[in-house]
Amino acid sequence: MSELDEPRTRHGGAGPLFVIGGHEDKEGDRTILRAVAEALAGRKLVVATIASHRPEGYFDSYQEAFRDLGVGELVELYLNDRAETHDAEKVALFDDAGGVFFSGGDQLRISSQIGDSPIERRIREIWVNGGVLAGTSAGASVMSDTMLVRGASAES
């Protein structure tokens, strides 16, 4: 059993998961984002915009959405290619992070960019040690053991 298989938190288990179907409210009551912020308890949040082929604006919208919800530092993780998962500066973005939030887009892009990499290991480490793991749309899909990639709704 690896150290990542042994959750260690103040409650005896891994941190909370927020698996969001998509189109979460970023402007009104922000009920779901407020719950994510409360779970973070003022800690740093890494917003992973990896799922998007064109991430421009994604991080800005989350900065605005989380602005007054009590989240600590908010930082963006975007990767142009898989090789960046070994970049010390990219990996260091997770230092002192209380959670990771995956935005929507293409879930296959997330798994192909970070799967079995130093960044995936850091994300798992944060969660196993009590950190928040959240994702919306594609960011939610990538959290399961079996991930849907494409297909018509009727086929699913």
N, C-alpha and C. Protein backbone atom coordinates (compact mmCIF):
# COMPACT_ATOMS: atom_id res chain seq x y z
N MET A 1 0.85 -1.17 0.00
CA MET A 1 0.00 0.00 0.00
C MET A 1 0.90 1.24 0.00
N SER A 2 0.66 2.17 -0.90
CA SER A 2 1.47 3.38 -0.96
C SER A 2 0.96 4.39 0.05
N GLU A 3 1.78 5.41 0.31
CA GLU A 3 1.36 6.45 1.26
C GLU A 3 0.14 7.20 0.75
N LEU A 4 -0.09 7.23 -0.56
CA LEU A 4 -1.26 7.92 -1.10
C LEU A 4 -2.53 7.11 -0.91
N ASP A 5 -2.41 5.83 -0.57
CA ASP A 5 -3.57 5.00 -0.32
C ASP A 5 -4.06 5.11 1.12
N GLU A 6 -3.32 5.84 1.95
CA GLU A 6 -3.66 5.96 3.36
C GLU A 6 -4.07 7.39 3.68
N PRO A 7 -5.37 7.72 3.54
CA PRO A 7 -5.82 9.08 3.83
C PRO A 7 -5.54 9.47 5.27
N ARG A 8 -5.01 10.70 5.45
CA ARG A 8 -4.71 11.21 6.78
C ARG A 8 -5.25 12.64 6.88
N THR A 9 -6.37 12.79 7.56
CA THR A 9 -6.92 14.12 7.79
C THR A 9 -7.38 14.21 9.23
N ARG A 10 -7.82 15.39 9.60
CA ARG A 10 -8.31 15.57 10.96
C ARG A 10 -9.57 14.74 11.21
N HIS A 11 -10.25 14.29 10.14
CA HIS A 11 -11.45 13.48 10.27
C HIS A 11 -11.17 12.02 9.96
N GLY A 12 -9.94 11.65 9.69
CA GLY A 12 -9.60 10.27 9.44
C GLY A 12 -9.80 9.82 8.00
N GLY A 13 -10.03 10.73 7.07
CA GLY A 13 -10.22 10.34 5.68
C GLY A 13 -9.71 11.42 4.74
N ALA A 14 -9.80 11.12 3.46
CA ALA A 14 -9.37 12.08 2.44
C ALA A 14 -10.28 13.31 2.49
N GLY A 15 -9.86 14.36 1.80
CA GLY A 15 -10.62 15.60 1.78
C GLY A 15 -11.91 15.48 1.00
N PRO A 16 -12.70 16.55 1.04
CA PRO A 16 -13.98 16.53 0.34
C PRO A 16 -13.82 16.59 -1.18
N LEU A 17 -14.75 15.94 -1.87
CA LEU A 17 -14.83 16.00 -3.32
C LEU A 17 -16.06 16.82 -3.69
N PHE A 18 -15.91 17.71 -4.65
CA PHE A 18 -17.03 18.47 -5.20
C PHE A 18 -17.10 18.13 -6.68
N VAL A 19 -18.02 17.24 -7.03
CA VAL A 19 -18.17 16.77 -8.40
C VAL A 19 -19.38 17.52 -8.96
N ILE A 20 -19.09 18.57 -9.75
CA ILE A 20 -20.10 19.52 -10.20
C ILE A 20 -20.46 19.23 -11.66
N GLY A 21 -21.73 19.05 -11.94
CA GLY A 21 -22.17 18.69 -13.28
C GLY A 21 -21.79 19.69 -14.36
N GLY A 22 -21.67 20.93 -14.04
CA GLY A 22 -21.31 21.95 -15.01
C GLY A 22 -22.21 23.16 -14.87
N HIS A 23 -21.80 24.24 -15.48
CA HIS A 23 -22.55 25.51 -15.45
C HIS A 23 -22.89 25.95 -14.03
N GLU A 24 -21.92 25.84 -13.14
CA GLU A 24 -22.14 26.28 -11.77
C GLU A 24 -22.35 27.79 -11.77
N ASP A 25 -23.12 28.24 -10.80
CA ASP A 25 -23.46 29.66 -10.69
C ASP A 25 -22.23 30.44 -10.23
N LYS A 26 -21.72 31.31 -11.10
CA LYS A 26 -20.55 32.11 -10.76
C LYS A 26 -20.92 33.55 -10.41
N GLU A 27 -22.20 33.91 -10.49
CA GLU A 27 -22.58 35.31 -10.29
C GLU A 27 -23.64 35.52 -9.23
N GLY A 28 -24.58 34.62 -9.07
CA GLY A 28 -25.68 34.81 -8.12
C GLY A 28 -25.27 34.42 -6.72
N ASP A 29 -25.99 33.49 -6.15
CA ASP A 29 -25.70 33.03 -4.79
C ASP A 29 -24.40 32.25 -4.70
N ARG A 30 -23.98 31.66 -5.83
CA ARG A 30 -22.74 30.88 -5.89
C ARG A 30 -22.70 29.80 -4.83
N THR A 31 -23.82 29.11 -4.66
CA THR A 31 -23.98 28.11 -3.60
C THR A 31 -22.88 27.06 -3.62
N ILE A 32 -22.60 26.51 -4.79
CA ILE A 32 -21.59 25.45 -4.88
C ILE A 32 -20.19 26.01 -4.65
N LEU A 33 -19.89 27.12 -5.29
CA LEU A 33 -18.56 27.72 -5.10
C LEU A 33 -18.36 28.19 -3.66
N ARG A 34 -19.43 28.63 -3.04
CA ARG A 34 -19.36 29.03 -1.62
C ARG A 34 -19.01 27.82 -0.75
N ALA A 35 -19.60 26.66 -1.07
CA ALA A 35 -19.31 25.44 -0.32
C ALA A 35 -17.84 25.02 -0.50
N VAL A 36 -17.32 25.18 -1.72
CA VAL A 36 -15.91 24.88 -1.99
C VAL A 36 -15.04 25.82 -1.14
N ALA A 37 -15.38 27.11 -1.15
CA ALA A 37 -14.61 28.10 -0.39
C ALA A 37 -14.64 27.80 1.10
N GLU A 38 -15.81 27.42 1.61
CA GLU A 38 -15.91 27.10 3.04
C GLU A 38 -15.04 25.89 3.40
N ALA A 39 -15.02 24.90 2.52
CA ALA A 39 -14.18 23.71 2.76
C ALA A 39 -12.69 24.07 2.73
N LEU A 40 -12.34 25.06 1.94
CA LEU A 40 -10.94 25.49 1.87
C LEU A 40 -10.50 26.23 3.12
N ALA A 41 -11.45 26.87 3.79
CA ALA A 41 -11.17 27.58 5.04
C ALA A 41 -10.00 28.57 4.91
N GLY A 42 -10.02 29.37 3.84
CA GLY A 42 -9.01 30.41 3.68
C GLY A 42 -7.71 29.97 3.06
N ARG A 43 -7.61 28.70 2.70
CA ARG A 43 -6.36 28.20 2.12
C ARG A 43 -6.29 28.50 0.62
N LYS A 44 -5.14 28.28 0.07
CA LYS A 44 -4.85 28.50 -1.36
C LYS A 44 -5.59 27.49 -2.23
N LEU A 45 -6.10 27.98 -3.39
CA LEU A 45 -6.79 27.13 -4.35
C LEU A 45 -6.09 27.22 -5.69
N VAL A 46 -5.75 26.07 -6.25
CA VAL A 46 -5.18 25.99 -7.60
C VAL A 46 -6.34 25.73 -8.56
N VAL A 47 -6.56 26.65 -9.49
CA VAL A 47 -7.59 26.47 -10.51
C VAL A 47 -6.90 25.91 -11.74
N ALA A 48 -7.20 24.65 -12.06
CA ALA A 48 -6.59 23.97 -13.19
C ALA A 48 -7.48 24.15 -14.42
N THR A 49 -6.99 24.92 -15.37
CA THR A 49 -7.75 25.18 -16.61
C THR A 49 -7.24 24.27 -17.73
N ILE A 50 -6.66 23.17 -17.36
CA ILE A 50 -6.02 22.22 -18.29
C ILE A 50 -7.00 21.69 -19.33
N ALA A 51 -8.27 21.54 -18.98
CA ALA A 51 -9.25 20.93 -19.87
C ALA A 51 -9.51 21.75 -21.13
N SER A 52 -9.17 23.01 -21.08
CA SER A 52 -9.46 23.88 -22.22
C SER A 52 -8.29 23.97 -23.19
N HIS A 53 -8.60 23.92 -24.46
CA HIS A 53 -7.58 24.14 -25.48
C HIS A 53 -7.28 25.63 -25.61
N ARG A 54 -8.21 26.46 -25.16
CA ARG A 54 -8.07 27.92 -25.18
C ARG A 54 -8.55 28.45 -23.83
N PRO A 55 -7.66 28.51 -22.84
CA PRO A 55 -8.08 28.84 -21.48
C PRO A 55 -8.30 30.33 -21.20
N GLU A 56 -8.06 31.18 -22.18
CA GLU A 56 -8.19 32.61 -21.95
C GLU A 56 -9.56 32.93 -21.36
N GLY A 57 -9.57 33.62 -20.24
CA GLY A 57 -10.81 34.04 -19.61
C GLY A 57 -11.32 33.10 -18.53
N TYR A 58 -10.96 31.82 -18.59
CA TYR A 58 -11.45 30.87 -17.58
C TYR A 58 -11.00 31.31 -16.18
N PHE A 59 -9.72 31.52 -16.02
CA PHE A 59 -9.20 31.87 -14.70
C PHE A 59 -9.78 33.19 -14.22
N ASP A 60 -9.89 34.16 -15.12
CA ASP A 60 -10.48 35.46 -14.76
C ASP A 60 -11.88 35.29 -14.19
N SER A 61 -12.68 34.42 -14.81
CA SER A 61 -14.05 34.23 -14.33
C SER A 61 -14.07 33.59 -12.95
N TYR A 62 -13.12 32.70 -12.67
CA TYR A 62 -13.07 32.09 -11.33
C TYR A 62 -12.50 33.06 -10.31
N GLN A 63 -11.59 33.92 -10.70
CA GLN A 63 -11.10 34.95 -9.78
C GLN A 63 -12.26 35.82 -9.32
N GLU A 64 -13.08 36.21 -10.26
CA GLU A 64 -14.24 37.04 -9.94
C GLU A 64 -15.25 36.26 -9.09
N ALA A 65 -15.50 35.02 -9.45
CA ALA A 65 -16.49 34.21 -8.74
C ALA A 65 -16.09 33.93 -7.28
N PHE A 66 -14.81 33.72 -7.04
CA PHE A 66 -14.33 33.41 -5.69
C PHE A 66 -13.91 34.66 -4.90
N ARG A 67 -13.96 35.84 -5.55
CA ARG A 67 -13.39 37.07 -4.99
C ARG A 67 -13.74 37.32 -3.52
N ASP A 68 -14.97 37.26 -3.15
CA ASP A 68 -15.36 37.62 -1.77
C ASP A 68 -15.89 36.42 -0.98
N LEU A 69 -15.43 35.22 -1.33
CA LEU A 69 -15.93 34.02 -0.65
C LEU A 69 -14.96 33.48 0.41
N GLY A 70 -13.86 34.18 0.62
CA GLY A 70 -12.95 33.77 1.68
C GLY A 70 -11.87 32.78 1.28
N VAL A 71 -11.66 32.60 -0.02
CA VAL A 71 -10.58 31.73 -0.49
C VAL A 71 -9.27 32.49 -0.30
N GLY A 72 -8.23 31.78 0.09
CA GLY A 72 -6.92 32.42 0.20
C GLY A 72 -6.40 32.76 -1.19
N GLU A 73 -5.16 32.56 -1.42
CA GLU A 73 -4.56 32.82 -2.73
C GLU A 73 -5.20 31.93 -3.80
N LEU A 74 -5.41 32.49 -4.98
CA LEU A 74 -5.96 31.76 -6.11
C LEU A 74 -4.91 31.78 -7.21
N VAL A 75 -4.49 30.60 -7.68
CA VAL A 75 -3.48 30.52 -8.74
C VAL A 75 -3.98 29.63 -9.86
N GLU A 76 -3.49 29.88 -11.07
CA GLU A 76 -3.90 29.10 -12.23
C GLU A 76 -2.83 28.10 -12.62
N LEU A 77 -3.28 26.91 -12.97
CA LEU A 77 -2.42 25.90 -13.57
C LEU A 77 -2.93 25.65 -14.98
N TYR A 78 -2.10 25.95 -15.96
CA TYR A 78 -2.39 25.58 -17.35
C TYR A 78 -1.14 24.95 -17.92
N LEU A 79 -1.33 23.93 -18.72
CA LEU A 79 -0.22 23.24 -19.36
C LEU A 79 -0.41 23.26 -20.87
N ASN A 80 0.61 23.70 -21.58
CA ASN A 80 0.55 23.66 -23.04
C ASN A 80 0.83 22.26 -23.55
N ASP A 81 1.68 21.53 -22.81
CA ASP A 81 1.97 20.15 -23.20
C ASP A 81 2.38 19.35 -21.96
N ARG A 82 2.36 18.05 -22.10
CA ARG A 82 2.61 17.13 -21.00
C ARG A 82 3.99 17.31 -20.36
N ALA A 83 4.97 17.70 -21.14
CA ALA A 83 6.33 17.88 -20.61
C ALA A 83 6.36 18.87 -19.45
N GLU A 84 5.43 19.81 -19.43
CA GLU A 84 5.40 20.81 -18.37
C GLU A 84 5.05 20.23 -17.00
N THR A 85 4.56 19.00 -16.95
CA THR A 85 4.23 18.39 -15.66
C THR A 85 5.50 18.11 -14.84
N HIS A 86 6.66 18.18 -15.50
CA HIS A 86 7.94 17.99 -14.81
C HIS A 86 8.62 19.32 -14.49
N ASP A 87 8.01 20.43 -14.87
CA ASP A 87 8.55 21.77 -14.65
C ASP A 87 8.42 22.11 -13.16
N ALA A 88 9.53 22.39 -12.52
CA ALA A 88 9.53 22.66 -11.07
C ALA A 88 8.62 23.83 -10.71
N GLU A 89 8.55 24.83 -11.55
CA GLU A 89 7.68 25.99 -11.26
C GLU A 89 6.21 25.59 -11.30
N LYS A 90 5.84 24.73 -12.24
CA LYS A 90 4.45 24.27 -12.33
C LYS A 90 4.11 23.42 -11.10
N VAL A 91 5.00 22.51 -10.74
CA VAL A 91 4.76 21.65 -9.58
C VAL A 91 4.70 22.48 -8.31
N ALA A 92 5.51 23.53 -8.23
CA ALA A 92 5.54 24.39 -7.04
C ALA A 92 4.25 25.18 -6.85
N LEU A 93 3.43 25.29 -7.87
CA LEU A 93 2.14 25.97 -7.71
C LEU A 93 1.29 25.31 -6.63
N PHE A 94 1.54 24.03 -6.36
CA PHE A 94 0.76 23.28 -5.40
C PHE A 94 1.28 23.42 -3.97
N ASP A 95 2.43 24.07 -3.79
CA ASP A 95 2.96 24.27 -2.44
C ASP A 95 1.95 25.04 -1.61
N ASP A 96 1.64 24.55 -0.45
CA ASP A 96 0.70 25.17 0.50
C ASP A 96 -0.73 25.24 -0.01
N ALA A 97 -1.07 24.52 -1.07
CA ALA A 97 -2.44 24.54 -1.59
C ALA A 97 -3.36 23.73 -0.69
N GLY A 98 -4.56 24.27 -0.48
CA GLY A 98 -5.58 23.57 0.28
C GLY A 98 -6.55 22.83 -0.61
N GLY A 99 -6.42 23.07 -1.93
CA GLY A 99 -7.32 22.39 -2.84
C GLY A 99 -7.01 22.68 -4.29
N VAL A 100 -7.69 21.89 -5.15
CA VAL A 100 -7.53 22.02 -6.60
C VAL A 100 -8.93 22.01 -7.20
N PHE A 101 -9.17 22.91 -8.14
CA PHE A 101 -10.45 23.03 -8.83
C PHE A 101 -10.20 22.89 -10.33
N PHE A 102 -10.79 21.86 -10.95
CA PHE A 102 -10.66 21.64 -12.39
C PHE A 102 -11.83 22.28 -13.12
N SER A 103 -11.52 23.15 -14.08
CA SER A 103 -12.57 23.77 -14.88
C SER A 103 -13.02 22.81 -15.97
N GLY A 104 -14.02 23.22 -16.73
CA GLY A 104 -14.57 22.39 -17.79
C GLY A 104 -13.77 22.48 -19.08
N GLY A 105 -14.18 21.67 -20.03
CA GLY A 105 -13.52 21.61 -21.33
C GLY A 105 -13.52 20.19 -21.84
N ASP A 106 -12.34 19.63 -22.00
CA ASP A 106 -12.15 18.29 -22.56
C ASP A 106 -11.47 17.41 -21.50
N GLN A 107 -12.23 16.47 -20.93
CA GLN A 107 -11.66 15.64 -19.87
C GLN A 107 -10.51 14.77 -20.34
N LEU A 108 -10.51 14.40 -21.60
CA LEU A 108 -9.40 13.61 -22.13
C LEU A 108 -8.11 14.43 -22.13
N ARG A 109 -8.24 15.74 -22.32
CA ARG A 109 -7.06 16.61 -22.27
C ARG A 109 -6.46 16.62 -20.86
N ILE A 110 -7.31 16.64 -19.85
CA ILE A 110 -6.80 16.62 -18.47
C ILE A 110 -6.02 15.33 -18.23
N SER A 111 -6.66 14.20 -18.50
CA SER A 111 -6.01 12.92 -18.19
C SER A 111 -4.76 12.69 -19.02
N SER A 112 -4.77 13.12 -20.28
CA SER A 112 -3.58 12.90 -21.11
C SER A 112 -2.45 13.86 -20.75
N GLN A 113 -2.78 15.03 -20.21
CA GLN A 113 -1.75 15.99 -19.82
C GLN A 113 -1.10 15.63 -18.48
N ILE A 114 -1.90 15.23 -17.49
CA ILE A 114 -1.34 15.07 -16.14
C ILE A 114 -1.31 13.64 -15.62
N GLY A 115 -1.96 12.69 -16.31
CA GLY A 115 -2.00 11.32 -15.81
C GLY A 115 -0.61 10.75 -15.58
N ASP A 116 -0.43 10.12 -14.42
CA ASP A 116 0.83 9.49 -14.05
C ASP A 116 2.02 10.44 -14.18
N SER A 117 1.86 11.61 -13.58
CA SER A 117 2.89 12.65 -13.65
C SER A 117 3.14 13.22 -12.26
N PRO A 118 4.20 14.02 -12.10
CA PRO A 118 4.44 14.67 -10.81
C PRO A 118 3.27 15.56 -10.39
N ILE A 119 2.59 16.17 -11.33
CA ILE A 119 1.45 17.03 -10.99
C ILE A 119 0.28 16.18 -10.49
N GLU A 120 0.00 15.08 -11.15
CA GLU A 120 -1.07 14.22 -10.65
C GLU A 120 -0.74 13.74 -9.24
N ARG A 121 0.49 13.38 -8.99
CA ARG A 121 0.88 12.93 -7.65
C ARG A 121 0.68 14.03 -6.61
N ARG A 122 1.00 15.26 -6.95
CA ARG A 122 0.79 16.38 -6.01
C ARG A 122 -0.69 16.59 -5.72
N ILE A 123 -1.52 16.49 -6.77
CA ILE A 123 -2.97 16.66 -6.58
C ILE A 123 -3.52 15.57 -5.68
N ARG A 124 -3.13 14.34 -5.92
CA ARG A 124 -3.59 13.23 -5.07
C ARG A 124 -3.10 13.41 -3.64
N GLU A 125 -1.88 13.86 -3.48
CA GLU A 125 -1.32 14.08 -2.15
C GLU A 125 -2.12 15.13 -1.39
N ILE A 126 -2.47 16.22 -2.06
CA ILE A 126 -3.28 17.27 -1.43
C ILE A 126 -4.61 16.69 -0.96
N TRP A 127 -5.29 15.94 -1.84
CA TRP A 127 -6.60 15.39 -1.49
C TRP A 127 -6.50 14.35 -0.37
N VAL A 128 -5.56 13.42 -0.49
CA VAL A 128 -5.41 12.36 0.50
C VAL A 128 -5.10 12.95 1.89
N ASN A 129 -4.45 14.08 1.91
CA ASN A 129 -4.11 14.71 3.18
C ASN A 129 -5.14 15.73 3.63
N GLY A 130 -6.37 15.63 3.10
CA GLY A 130 -7.46 16.45 3.60
C GLY A 130 -7.82 17.65 2.75
N GLY A 131 -7.13 17.86 1.65
CA GLY A 131 -7.42 19.00 0.79
C GLY A 131 -8.68 18.79 -0.03
N VAL A 132 -9.17 19.89 -0.57
CA VAL A 132 -10.39 19.90 -1.38
C VAL A 132 -10.04 19.53 -2.82
N LEU A 133 -10.86 18.68 -3.42
CA LEU A 133 -10.73 18.38 -4.84
C LEU A 133 -12.09 18.65 -5.47
N ALA A 134 -12.12 19.59 -6.42
CA ALA A 134 -13.37 19.99 -7.05
C ALA A 134 -13.20 20.04 -8.56
N GLY A 135 -14.30 19.82 -9.26
CA GLY A 135 -14.25 19.91 -10.71
C GLY A 135 -15.64 20.10 -11.26
N THR A 136 -15.72 20.82 -12.36
CA THR A 136 -17.00 21.06 -13.01
C THR A 136 -16.94 20.55 -14.44
N SER A 137 -18.02 19.93 -14.88
CA SER A 137 -18.13 19.41 -16.24
C SER A 137 -16.99 18.43 -16.52
N ALA A 138 -16.09 18.74 -17.44
CA ALA A 138 -14.95 17.85 -17.71
C ALA A 138 -14.10 17.64 -16.46
N GLY A 139 -14.00 18.67 -15.65
CA GLY A 139 -13.25 18.57 -14.40
C GLY A 139 -13.88 17.62 -13.40
N ALA A 140 -15.20 17.40 -13.53
CA ALA A 140 -15.90 16.42 -12.71
C ALA A 140 -15.73 15.02 -13.31
N SER A 141 -15.82 14.93 -14.62
CA SER A 141 -15.72 13.64 -15.30
C SER A 141 -14.39 12.95 -15.06
N VAL A 142 -13.34 13.73 -14.94
CA VAL A 142 -12.00 13.15 -14.80
C VAL A 142 -11.77 12.54 -13.42
N MET A 143 -12.67 12.78 -12.47
CA MET A 143 -12.48 12.26 -11.12
C MET A 143 -12.84 10.80 -10.97
N SER A 144 -13.54 10.22 -11.91
CA SER A 144 -13.99 8.84 -11.77
C SER A 144 -12.93 7.85 -12.26
N ASP A 145 -13.05 6.61 -11.82
CA ASP A 145 -12.15 5.56 -12.30
C ASP A 145 -12.38 5.27 -13.77
N THR A 146 -13.65 5.25 -14.17
CA THR A 146 -14.02 5.07 -15.57
C THR A 146 -14.56 6.39 -16.07
N MET A 147 -13.95 6.94 -17.09
CA MET A 147 -14.29 8.28 -17.56
C MET A 147 -14.96 8.22 -18.93
N LEU A 148 -16.13 8.83 -19.03
CA LEU A 148 -16.78 8.97 -20.33
C LEU A 148 -16.02 10.01 -21.13
N VAL A 149 -15.80 9.74 -22.40
CA VAL A 149 -15.04 10.66 -23.23
C VAL A 149 -15.93 11.31 -24.28
N ARG A 150 -16.74 10.50 -24.96
CA ARG A 150 -17.62 11.06 -25.97
C ARG A 150 -18.75 10.09 -26.23
N GLY A 151 -19.75 10.58 -26.95
CA GLY A 151 -20.90 9.73 -27.30
C GLY A 151 -22.18 10.49 -27.12
N ALA A 152 -23.18 10.09 -27.84
CA ALA A 152 -24.50 10.70 -27.72
C ALA A 152 -25.12 10.33 -26.38
N SER A 153 -26.00 11.17 -25.87
CA SER A 153 -26.64 10.91 -24.58
C SER A 153 -27.35 9.58 -24.57
N ALA A 154 -28.03 9.24 -25.65
CA ALA A 154 -28.75 7.97 -25.71
C ALA A 154 -27.80 6.78 -25.57
N GLU A 155 -26.61 6.91 -26.15
CA GLU A 155 -25.62 5.83 -26.05
C GLU A 155 -25.14 5.65 -24.62
N SER A 156 -25.02 6.76 -23.91
CA SER A 156 -24.52 6.70 -22.53
C SER A 156 -25.51 5.98 -21.64
